[in-house]
Amino acid sequence: MSKEEDASAKQLFSETTQSLAVLIRAELALLQSALSVSLTRIFLAIGIIICAAIIVLVALNVLATVAVAALTAMGLQPVSAGMAVGLGLLALALILVKLSLYLLRRAYRSAVKPAQTLGRDAQAIKAAYHEH
């Protein structure tokens, strides 16, 4: 191998290493961005779960009041109204919990995908270096 070929190989290796470093930095930046978005979605979902939990407590309070009213008054109309409010709040809480679970699933998937891509890139780089 001549000195020119040796210098050319060194330059090619240097350029490849620099390009690889740029690629890894870009992948890490993408991963960081995806994790940031995922964390925001996770905190939103947790907030919705907390809201749903508060609504469930209020609904249970209303339903307990209805049960007491049913036992004391034995009047159908106040009980029916209380049951409608309590069941409506429970339905709302269920919808909020389902929404938060959906958001958590989406956040998890968006966080995992860039990490898997980074892992595949690292394996490809490793394989490429082992070939040479």
C-alpha atoms as a PDB file:
ATOM      1  CA  MET A   1       0.000   0.000   0.000  1.00  0.00           C
ATOM      2  CA  SER A   2       1.473   3.357  -0.990  1.00  0.00           C
ATOM      3  CA  LYS A   3       1.604   6.402   1.232  1.00  0.00           C
ATOM      4  CA  GLU A   4      -1.128   8.062  -0.843  1.00  0.00           C
ATOM      5  CA  GLU A   5      -3.454   5.079  -0.440  1.00  0.00           C
ATOM      6  CA  ASP A   6      -2.636   4.930   3.272  1.00  0.00           C
ATOM      7  CA  ALA A   7      -3.422   8.647   3.676  1.00  0.00           C
ATOM      8  CA  SER A   8      -6.606   8.228   1.648  1.00  0.00           C
ATOM      9  CA  ALA A   9      -7.695   5.299   3.834  1.00  0.00           C
ATOM     10  CA  LYS A  10      -6.968   7.317   6.986  1.00  0.00           C
ATOM     11  CA  GLN A  11      -8.953  10.255   5.641  1.00  0.00           C
ATOM     12  CA  LEU A  12     -11.844   7.966   4.679  1.00  0.00           C
ATOM     13  CA  PHE A  13     -11.808   6.372   8.124  1.00  0.00           C
ATOM     14  CA  SER A  14     -11.716   9.823   9.756  1.00  0.00           C
ATOM     15  CA  GLU A  15     -14.654  11.063   7.655  1.00  0.00           C
ATOM     16  CA  THR A  16     -16.602   7.883   8.386  1.00  0.00           C
ATOM     17  CA  THR A  17     -15.965   8.252  12.117  1.00  0.00           C
ATOM     18  CA  GLN A  18     -17.065  11.890  12.044  1.00  0.00           C
ATOM     19  CA  SER A  19     -20.208  11.028  10.090  1.00  0.00           C
ATOM     20  CA  LEU A  20     -20.936   8.257  12.546  1.00  0.00           C
ATOM     21  CA  ALA A  21     -20.548  10.658  15.459  1.00  0.00           C
ATOM     22  CA  VAL A  22     -22.941  13.124  13.800  1.00  0.00           C
ATOM     23  CA  LEU A  23     -25.447  10.313  13.175  1.00  0.00           C
ATOM     24  CA  ILE A  24     -25.288   9.134  16.786  1.00  0.00           C
ATOM     25  CA  ARG A  25     -25.730  12.698  18.086  1.00  0.00           C
ATOM     26  CA  ALA A  26     -28.734  13.189  15.792  1.00  0.00           C
ATOM     27  CA  GLU A  27     -30.264   9.874  16.926  1.00  0.00           C
ATOM     28  CA  LEU A  28     -29.756  10.824  20.574  1.00  0.00           C
ATOM     29  CA  ALA A  29     -31.352  14.229  19.968  1.00  0.00           C
ATOM     30  CA  LEU A  30     -34.320  12.512  18.321  1.00  0.00           C
ATOM     31  CA  LEU A  31     -34.605  10.096  21.235  1.00  0.00           C
ATOM     32  CA  GLN A  32     -34.458  12.964  23.729  1.00  0.00           C
ATOM     33  CA  SER A  33     -37.165  14.832  21.827  1.00  0.00           C
ATOM     34  CA  ALA A  34     -39.398  11.764  21.667  1.00  0.00           C
ATOM     35  CA  LEU A  35     -38.920  11.115  25.381  1.00  0.00           C
ATOM     36  CA  SER A  36     -39.786  14.734  26.158  1.00  0.00           C
ATOM     37  CA  VAL A  37     -43.030  14.466  24.186  1.00  0.00           C
ATOM     38  CA  SER A  38     -43.768  11.115  25.826  1.00  0.00           C
ATOM     39  CA  LEU A  39     -43.226  12.518  29.308  1.00  0.00           C
ATOM     40  CA  THR A  40     -45.589  15.389  28.546  1.00  0.00           C
ATOM     41  CA  ARG A  41     -48.246  12.897  27.427  1.00  0.00           C
ATOM     42  CA  ILE A  42     -47.634  10.729  30.482  1.00  0.00           C
ATOM     43  CA  PHE A  43     -48.101  13.683  32.832  1.00  0.00           C
ATOM     44  CA  LEU A  44     -51.269  14.690  30.963  1.00  0.00           C
ATOM     45  CA  ALA A  45     -52.611  11.142  31.324  1.00  0.00           C
ATOM     46  CA  ILE A  46     -51.737  11.109  35.033  1.00  0.00           C
ATOM     47  CA  GLY A  47     -53.568  14.419  35.461  1.00  0.00           C
ATOM     48  CA  ILE A  48     -56.639  12.970  33.746  1.00  0.00           C
ATOM     49  CA  ILE A  49     -56.471   9.893  35.993  1.00  0.00           C
ATOM     50  CA  ILE A  50     -56.357  12.134  39.060  1.00  0.00           C
ATOM     51  CA  CYS A  51     -59.324  14.112  37.723  1.00  0.00           C
ATOM     52  CA  ALA A  52     -61.217  10.864  37.126  1.00  0.00           C
ATOM     53  CA  ALA A  53     -60.404   9.695  40.655  1.00  0.00           C
ATOM     54  CA  ILE A  54     -61.820  12.915  42.104  1.00  0.00           C
ATOM     55  CA  ILE A  55     -64.962  12.523  40.006  1.00  0.00           C
ATOM     56  CA  VAL A  56     -65.324   8.925  41.231  1.00  0.00           C
ATOM     57  CA  LEU A  57     -65.132  10.139  44.824  1.00  0.00           C
ATOM     58  CA  VAL A  58     -67.813  12.745  44.161  1.00  0.00           C
ATOM     59  CA  ALA A  59     -69.954  10.142  42.380  1.00  0.00           C
ATOM     60  CA  LEU A  60     -69.604   7.739  45.282  1.00  0.00           C
ATOM     61  CA  ASN A  61     -70.572  10.533  47.647  1.00  0.00           C
ATOM     62  CA  VAL A  62     -73.659  11.280  45.567  1.00  0.00           C
ATOM     63  CA  LEU A  63     -74.560   7.590  45.385  1.00  0.00           C
ATOM     64  CA  ALA A  64     -74.142   7.259  49.152  1.00  0.00           C
ATOM     65  CA  THR A  65     -76.390  10.259  49.650  1.00  0.00           C
ATOM     66  CA  VAL A  66     -78.925   8.649  47.329  1.00  0.00           C
ATOM     67  CA  ALA A  67     -78.810   5.415  49.293  1.00  0.00           C
ATOM     68  CA  VAL A  68     -79.416   7.305  52.535  1.00  0.00           C
ATOM     69  CA  ALA A  69     -82.217   9.270  50.925  1.00  0.00           C
ATOM     70  CA  ALA A  70     -83.742   6.023  49.649  1.00  0.00           C
ATOM     71  CA  LEU A  71     -83.677   4.475  53.086  1.00  0.00           C
ATOM     72  CA  THR A  72     -85.033   7.519  54.896  1.00  0.00           C
ATOM     73  CA  ALA A  73     -87.524   8.976  52.504  1.00  0.00           C
ATOM     74  CA  MET A  74     -88.488   5.946  50.415  1.00  0.00           C
ATOM     75  CA  GLY A  75     -89.459   8.429  47.726  1.00  0.00           C
ATOM     76  CA  LEU A  76     -88.711   7.391  44.172  1.00  0.00           C
ATOM     77  CA  GLN A  77     -88.186  10.814  42.597  1.00  0.00           C
ATOM     78  CA  PRO A  78     -85.258  12.086  44.716  1.00  0.00           C
ATOM     79  CA  VAL A  79     -83.552   8.711  44.452  1.00  0.00           C
ATOM     80  CA  SER A  80     -83.963   8.612  40.673  1.00  0.00           C
ATOM     81  CA  ALA A  81     -82.457  12.066  40.330  1.00  0.00           C
ATOM     82  CA  GLY A  82     -79.542  11.195  42.601  1.00  0.00           C
ATOM     83  CA  MET A  83     -78.917   7.940  40.758  1.00  0.00           C
ATOM     84  CA  ALA A  84     -78.886   9.739  37.399  1.00  0.00           C
ATOM     85  CA  VAL A  85     -76.298  12.242  38.654  1.00  0.00           C
ATOM     86  CA  GLY A  86     -74.151   9.565  40.283  1.00  0.00           C
ATOM     87  CA  LEU A  87     -74.227   7.240  37.290  1.00  0.00           C
ATOM     88  CA  GLY A  88     -73.528  10.136  34.942  1.00  0.00           C
ATOM     89  CA  LEU A  89     -70.432  11.064  36.955  1.00  0.00           C
ATOM     90  CA  LEU A  90     -69.281   7.458  36.971  1.00  0.00           C
ATOM     91  CA  ALA A  91     -69.691   7.274  33.197  1.00  0.00           C
ATOM     92  CA  LEU A  92     -67.636  10.457  32.832  1.00  0.00           C
ATOM     93  CA  ALA A  93     -64.907   9.021  35.062  1.00  0.00           C
ATOM     94  CA  LEU A  94     -64.819   5.841  32.972  1.00  0.00           C
ATOM     95  CA  ILE A  95     -64.422   7.868  29.786  1.00  0.00           C
ATOM     96  CA  LEU A  96     -61.568   9.860  31.358  1.00  0.00           C
ATOM     97  CA  VAL A  97     -59.774   6.708  32.517  1.00  0.00           C
ATOM     98  CA  LYS A  98     -60.073   5.158  29.046  1.00  0.00           C
ATOM     99  CA  LEU A  99     -58.734   8.380  27.509  1.00  0.00           C
ATOM    100  CA  SER A 100     -55.775   8.448  29.889  1.00  0.00           C
ATOM    101  CA  LEU A 101     -54.947   4.790  29.179  1.00  0.00           C
ATOM    102  CA  TYR A 102     -55.031   5.539  25.450  1.00  0.00           C
ATOM    103  CA  LEU A 103     -52.663   8.487  25.965  1.00  0.00           C
ATOM    104  CA  LEU A 104     -50.316   6.354  28.068  1.00  0.00           C
ATOM    105  CA  ARG A 105     -50.201   3.659  25.372  1.00  0.00           C
ATOM    106  CA  ARG A 106     -49.411   6.252  22.695  1.00  0.00           C
ATOM    107  CA  ALA A 107     -46.706   7.836  24.837  1.00  0.00           C
ATOM    108  CA  TYR A 108     -45.120   4.441  25.475  1.00  0.00           C
ATOM    109  CA  ARG A 109     -45.119   3.540  21.790  1.00  0.00           C
ATOM    110  CA  SER A 110     -43.608   6.862  20.738  1.00  0.00           C
ATOM    111  CA  ALA A 111     -40.858   6.509  23.354  1.00  0.00           C
ATOM    112  CA  VAL A 112     -39.983   2.930  22.415  1.00  0.00           C
ATOM    113  CA  LYS A 113     -39.736   3.442  18.656  1.00  0.00           C
ATOM    114  CA  PRO A 114     -36.705   5.826  18.628  1.00  0.00           C
ATOM    115  CA  ALA A 115     -34.935   3.643  21.182  1.00  0.00           C
ATOM    116  CA  GLN A 116     -35.434   0.600  18.953  1.00  0.00           C
ATOM    117  CA  THR A 117     -34.143   2.556  15.946  1.00  0.00           C
ATOM    118  CA  LEU A 118     -31.072   3.624  17.897  1.00  0.00           C
ATOM    119  CA  GLY A 119     -30.482   0.010  18.922  1.00  0.00           C
ATOM    120  CA  ARG A 120     -30.732  -1.182  15.312  1.00  0.00           C
ATOM    121  CA  ASP A 121     -28.331   1.562  14.199  1.00  0.00           C
ATOM    122  CA  ALA A 122     -25.844   0.554  16.882  1.00  0.00           C
ATOM    123  CA  GLN A 123     -26.064  -3.093  15.808  1.00  0.00           C
ATOM    124  CA  ALA A 124     -25.539  -2.138  12.166  1.00  0.00           C
ATOM    125  CA  ILE A 125     -22.494  -0.062  13.057  1.00  0.00           C
ATOM    126  CA  LYS A 126     -21.133  -2.863  15.200  1.00  0.00           C
ATOM    127  CA  ALA A 127     -21.638  -5.347  12.390  1.00  0.00           C
ATOM    128  CA  ALA A 128     -19.968  -3.014   9.896  1.00  0.00           C
ATOM    129  CA  TYR A 129     -16.882  -2.643  12.098  1.00  0.00           C
ATOM    130  CA  HIS A 130     -16.656  -6.383  12.671  1.00  0.00           C
ATOM    131  CA  GLU A 131     -16.686  -6.992   8.915  1.00  0.00           C
ATOM    132  CA  HIS A 132     -13.581  -4.838   8.446  1.00  0.00           C
END
